Amino acid sequence: MNYYSHEKQFYVAVDCIIFGFNQGELSLLLLKRNFEPAMGEWSLMGGFVQEKESVDNAAKRVLNQLTGLEEVYMEQVGIFGDINRDPGERVVSAAYYAMININEYDRELVQKHNAYWININEVPPLIFDHKLMVEKARDVMKQKASNEPIGFNLLPKLFTLTQLQSLYEAIYGEVIDKRNFRKRVAEMDYIEKTDKIDKSGSKRGAYLYKFNNKIYKKDPKFKL
């Protein structure tokens, strides 16, 4: 029996705000749309929730279809449901932000979807309410990154302290005092110094570090 046959039906969608970190700057993975509505304009990667699919699983599927990645850090930002937000139909969208290592995605898939990495400070005008989604995602990410080590999802497995500081400066959008930053890092047992050295920046090089999730889980205190 259809208990809700008297109610108007409309669409439920998901949109993914995909963050990467490249050359000291945050970047967004955006589509140059090759389909209507708004063909030729910039947008987030999105899709409709299928009949036998949860909203969370729909977001994971859409992300996988674009990047080929699974088990990616992802969190819901909020629900966007203004009546006229989509010119095609009445669509309510759940927005999610994801954080990926910019060197690990499937480049062929991204190219197939006509997607490009865009510096967060150079984002072009976006369709519908996607600009609002990005702004809210950045606010949520900033708040979460200050209390949980989610930022490491954007880094390679081995990184220098300079890379780590640059990452958090990009997330917060402000300069961090180097001495205080390194003092805080030294107090975190789960940020481990390795015996490997990165010499790409200088002849002397810089030690590489790694994040140890097992140690973090034993004492999950984080403050950067």
Protein backbone atom coordinates (compact mmCIF):
# COMPACT_ATOMS: atom_id res chain seq x y z
CA MET A 1 0.00 0.00 0.00
CA ASN A 2 1.28 3.45 -0.90
CA TYR A 3 0.63 5.56 2.19
CA TYR A 4 2.04 8.71 0.61
CA SER A 5 0.46 8.66 -2.84
CA HIS A 6 -1.17 12.03 -2.16
CA GLU A 7 2.23 13.67 -1.61
CA LYS A 8 4.19 15.38 -4.39
CA GLN A 9 7.33 13.45 -5.39
CA PHE A 10 10.70 15.05 -6.13
CA TYR A 11 14.36 14.10 -6.49
CA VAL A 12 17.05 13.51 -3.88
CA ALA A 13 20.65 14.09 -4.96
CA VAL A 14 24.18 14.23 -3.52
CA ASP A 15 26.96 16.68 -4.32
CA CYS A 16 30.63 16.08 -3.47
CA ILE A 17 33.04 18.85 -2.51
CA ILE A 18 36.38 17.14 -3.16
CA PHE A 19 39.45 18.76 -1.59
CA GLY A 20 43.06 18.09 -2.53
CA PHE A 21 46.37 19.65 -1.47
CA ASN A 22 48.91 20.64 -4.10
CA GLN A 23 52.01 22.86 -3.97
CA GLY A 24 51.05 24.41 -0.66
CA GLU A 25 47.47 25.24 -1.65
CA LEU A 26 44.06 23.65 -1.24
CA SER A 27 42.38 22.69 -4.50
CA LEU A 28 38.86 21.66 -5.52
CA LEU A 29 37.99 19.02 -8.09
CA LEU A 30 35.38 20.66 -10.33
CA LEU A 31 33.51 19.62 -13.47
CA LYS A 32 33.26 21.62 -16.65
CA ARG A 33 29.75 20.39 -17.42
CA ASN A 34 29.19 18.69 -20.76
CA PHE A 35 25.49 18.08 -20.15
CA GLU A 36 22.35 20.07 -19.41
CA PRO A 37 21.23 21.91 -17.41
CA ALA A 38 24.02 24.52 -17.26
CA MET A 39 26.20 22.85 -19.89
CA GLY A 40 29.60 24.52 -20.18
CA GLU A 41 29.54 25.89 -16.63
CA TRP A 42 31.49 24.80 -13.56
CA SER A 43 29.96 22.54 -10.92
CA LEU A 44 30.64 20.02 -8.19
CA MET A 45 30.42 16.30 -8.92
CA GLY A 46 26.94 15.06 -8.12
CA GLY A 47 24.28 12.48 -8.85
CA PHE A 48 20.87 11.19 -7.81
CA VAL A 49 20.23 8.77 -4.95
CA GLN A 50 19.06 5.45 -6.35
CA GLU A 51 15.98 3.57 -5.17
CA LYS A 52 17.82 0.94 -3.12
CA GLU A 53 20.69 3.10 -1.93
CA SER A 54 21.29 5.12 1.22
CA VAL A 55 22.28 8.77 0.88
CA ASP A 56 25.73 8.04 2.35
CA ASN A 57 26.30 5.21 -0.11
CA ALA A 58 25.17 7.42 -2.98
CA ALA A 59 27.87 9.96 -2.05
CA LYS A 60 30.50 7.20 -1.88
CA ARG A 61 29.39 5.89 -5.28
CA VAL A 62 29.53 9.33 -6.91
CA LEU A 63 33.01 9.96 -5.49
CA ASN A 64 34.19 6.55 -6.70
CA GLN A 65 32.76 7.13 -10.18
CA LEU A 66 34.82 10.31 -10.49
CA THR A 67 38.07 9.36 -8.75
CA GLY A 68 38.15 5.56 -8.62
CA LEU A 69 38.82 5.84 -4.86
CA GLU A 70 37.19 3.93 -2.01
CA GLU A 71 37.52 4.26 1.76
CA VAL A 72 37.98 8.03 1.44
CA TYR A 73 37.45 10.45 4.34
CA MET A 74 34.01 11.95 3.76
CA GLU A 75 31.52 13.85 5.90
CA GLN A 76 28.10 15.32 5.26
CA VAL A 77 28.03 19.11 5.22
CA GLY A 78 24.29 19.64 5.18
CA ILE A 79 21.05 19.50 3.19
CA PHE A 80 20.34 22.07 0.50
CA GLY A 81 16.70 22.33 -0.49
CA ASP A 82 15.68 25.76 -1.74
CA ILE A 83 12.67 25.33 -3.98
CA ASN A 84 14.28 26.80 -7.10
CA ARG A 85 17.87 25.65 -6.52
CA ASP A 86 17.84 23.45 -9.66
CA PRO A 87 16.20 24.70 -12.88
CA GLY A 88 15.58 21.13 -14.07
CA GLU A 89 13.25 19.84 -11.33
CA ARG A 90 12.63 20.12 -7.60
CA VAL A 91 15.83 18.58 -6.20
CA VAL A 92 16.96 18.31 -2.58
CA SER A 93 20.69 17.67 -2.31
CA ALA A 94 22.85 16.32 0.51
CA ALA A 95 26.34 17.82 0.25
CA TYR A 96 29.45 15.93 1.38
CA TYR A 97 33.06 17.01 1.52
CA ALA A 98 35.89 14.57 0.89
CA MET A 99 39.65 14.85 1.41
CA ILE A 100 41.91 12.90 -0.93
CA ASN A 101 45.60 12.58 -1.70
CA ILE A 102 45.99 14.45 -4.98
CA ASN A 103 48.47 11.83 -6.25
CA GLU A 104 46.28 8.74 -5.77
CA TYR A 105 43.11 9.27 -7.85
CA ASP A 106 42.30 7.74 -11.25
CA ARG A 107 43.31 10.40 -13.77
CA GLU A 108 41.56 8.70 -16.68
CA LEU A 109 38.23 8.77 -14.85
CA VAL A 110 38.67 12.43 -13.95
CA GLN A 111 39.49 13.29 -17.55
CA LYS A 112 36.48 11.29 -18.75
CA HIS A 113 34.20 13.41 -16.54
CA ASN A 114 35.82 16.62 -17.80
CA ALA A 115 37.01 17.48 -14.28
CA TYR A 116 39.93 19.67 -13.22
CA TRP A 117 41.75 20.66 -10.06
CA ILE A 118 41.20 24.36 -9.32
CA ASN A 119 43.06 26.36 -6.67
CA ILE A 120 40.64 27.17 -3.84
CA ASN A 121 41.50 30.87 -4.21
CA GLU A 122 40.74 30.85 -7.94
CA VAL A 123 37.41 29.02 -8.03
CA PRO A 124 35.25 30.25 -10.94
CA PRO A 125 31.51 30.99 -10.60
CA LEU A 126 29.65 27.74 -9.83
CA ILE A 127 26.15 26.65 -10.81
CA PHE A 128 23.09 26.56 -8.56
CA ASP A 129 24.02 26.78 -4.86
CA HIS A 130 27.38 25.01 -5.22
CA LYS A 131 29.32 28.08 -4.05
CA LEU A 132 27.37 27.96 -0.78
CA MET A 133 28.12 24.25 -0.43
CA VAL A 134 31.85 24.89 -0.84
CA GLU A 135 31.82 27.72 1.71
CA LYS A 136 29.99 25.60 4.28
CA ALA A 137 32.31 22.65 3.61
CA ARG A 138 35.36 24.83 4.28
CA ASP A 139 33.87 26.03 7.57
CA VAL A 140 33.12 22.46 8.68
CA MET A 141 36.58 21.28 7.62
CA LYS A 142 38.34 24.09 9.51
CA GLN A 143 36.46 23.30 12.70
CA LYS A 144 37.05 19.54 12.41
CA ALA A 145 40.72 19.89 11.45
CA SER A 146 41.51 21.81 14.62
CA ASN A 147 40.38 18.92 16.83
CA GLU A 148 40.90 15.77 14.75
CA PRO A 149 43.76 14.71 12.46
CA ILE A 150 41.66 14.72 9.28
CA GLY A 151 44.22 16.87 7.46
CA PHE A 152 46.54 13.88 7.03
CA ASN A 153 44.10 12.52 4.43
CA LEU A 154 45.41 15.24 2.10
CA LEU A 155 49.09 14.35 2.54
CA PRO A 156 51.24 11.52 1.18
CA LYS A 157 52.12 8.80 3.68
CA LEU A 158 55.51 10.44 4.24
CA PHE A 159 55.73 14.22 4.57
CA THR A 160 58.01 16.95 5.88
CA LEU A 161 57.09 19.29 8.72
CA THR A 162 57.11 22.14 6.21
CA GLN A 163 54.49 20.32 4.15
CA LEU A 164 52.44 19.69 7.26
CA GLN A 165 52.55 23.33 8.30
CA SER A 166 51.71 24.49 4.77
CA LEU A 167 48.70 22.16 4.78
CA TYR A 168 47.23 23.61 7.95
CA GLU A 169 47.95 27.14 6.83
CA ALA A 170 45.99 26.35 3.65
CA ILE A 171 43.10 24.84 5.63
CA TYR A 172 42.87 27.75 8.07
CA GLY A 173 43.76 30.42 5.53
CA GLU A 174 46.32 32.05 7.83
CA VAL A 175 50.03 31.95 8.65
CA ILE A 176 51.08 29.76 11.59
CA ASP A 177 54.11 30.54 13.75
CA LYS A 178 56.75 27.97 12.83
CA ARG A 179 58.28 27.63 16.31
CA ASN A 180 54.94 27.11 18.07
CA PHE A 181 53.74 24.73 15.37
CA ARG A 182 56.78 22.49 15.64
CA LYS A 183 56.58 22.53 19.41
CA ARG A 184 53.00 21.23 19.25
CA VAL A 185 53.96 18.58 16.69
CA ALA A 186 56.82 17.39 18.92
CA GLU A 187 54.29 16.77 21.69
CA MET A 188 52.27 14.39 19.49
CA ASP A 189 53.64 10.83 19.71
CA TYR A 190 51.59 9.72 16.69
CA ILE A 191 53.46 12.08 14.32
CA GLU A 192 56.59 9.95 13.93
CA LYS A 193 59.95 11.00 12.57
CA THR A 194 61.41 8.48 10.12
CA ASP A 195 65.03 7.95 9.05
CA LYS A 196 64.20 9.01 5.49
CA ILE A 197 65.14 12.41 4.09
CA ASP A 198 63.51 14.46 1.37
CA LYS A 199 66.15 16.31 -0.65
CA SER A 200 63.80 17.82 -3.24
CA GLY A 201 63.85 21.20 -1.50
CA SER A 202 67.55 21.51 -0.62
CA LYS A 203 70.86 19.62 -0.62
CA ARG A 204 70.68 19.17 3.13
CA GLY A 205 67.14 17.88 2.90
CA ALA A 206 64.44 17.51 5.53
CA TYR A 207 63.38 14.50 7.57
CA LEU A 208 60.17 12.78 6.54
CA TYR A 209 57.43 12.07 9.07
CA LYS A 210 54.40 9.79 9.13
CA PHE A 211 51.08 9.68 10.96
CA ASN A 212 50.60 6.59 13.15
CA ASN A 213 46.87 5.97 13.50
CA LYS A 214 47.31 3.09 15.95
CA ILE A 215 49.13 5.31 18.45
CA TYR A 216 46.58 8.10 17.92
CA LYS A 217 43.66 5.77 18.71
CA LYS A 218 45.24 4.88 22.08
CA ASP A 219 45.33 8.55 23.08
CA PRO A 220 43.15 10.56 20.67
CA LYS A 221 44.17 14.05 21.69
CA PHE A 222 44.75 16.49 18.86
CA LYS A 223 45.10 20.24 18.78
CA LEU A 224 46.75 22.20 15.97
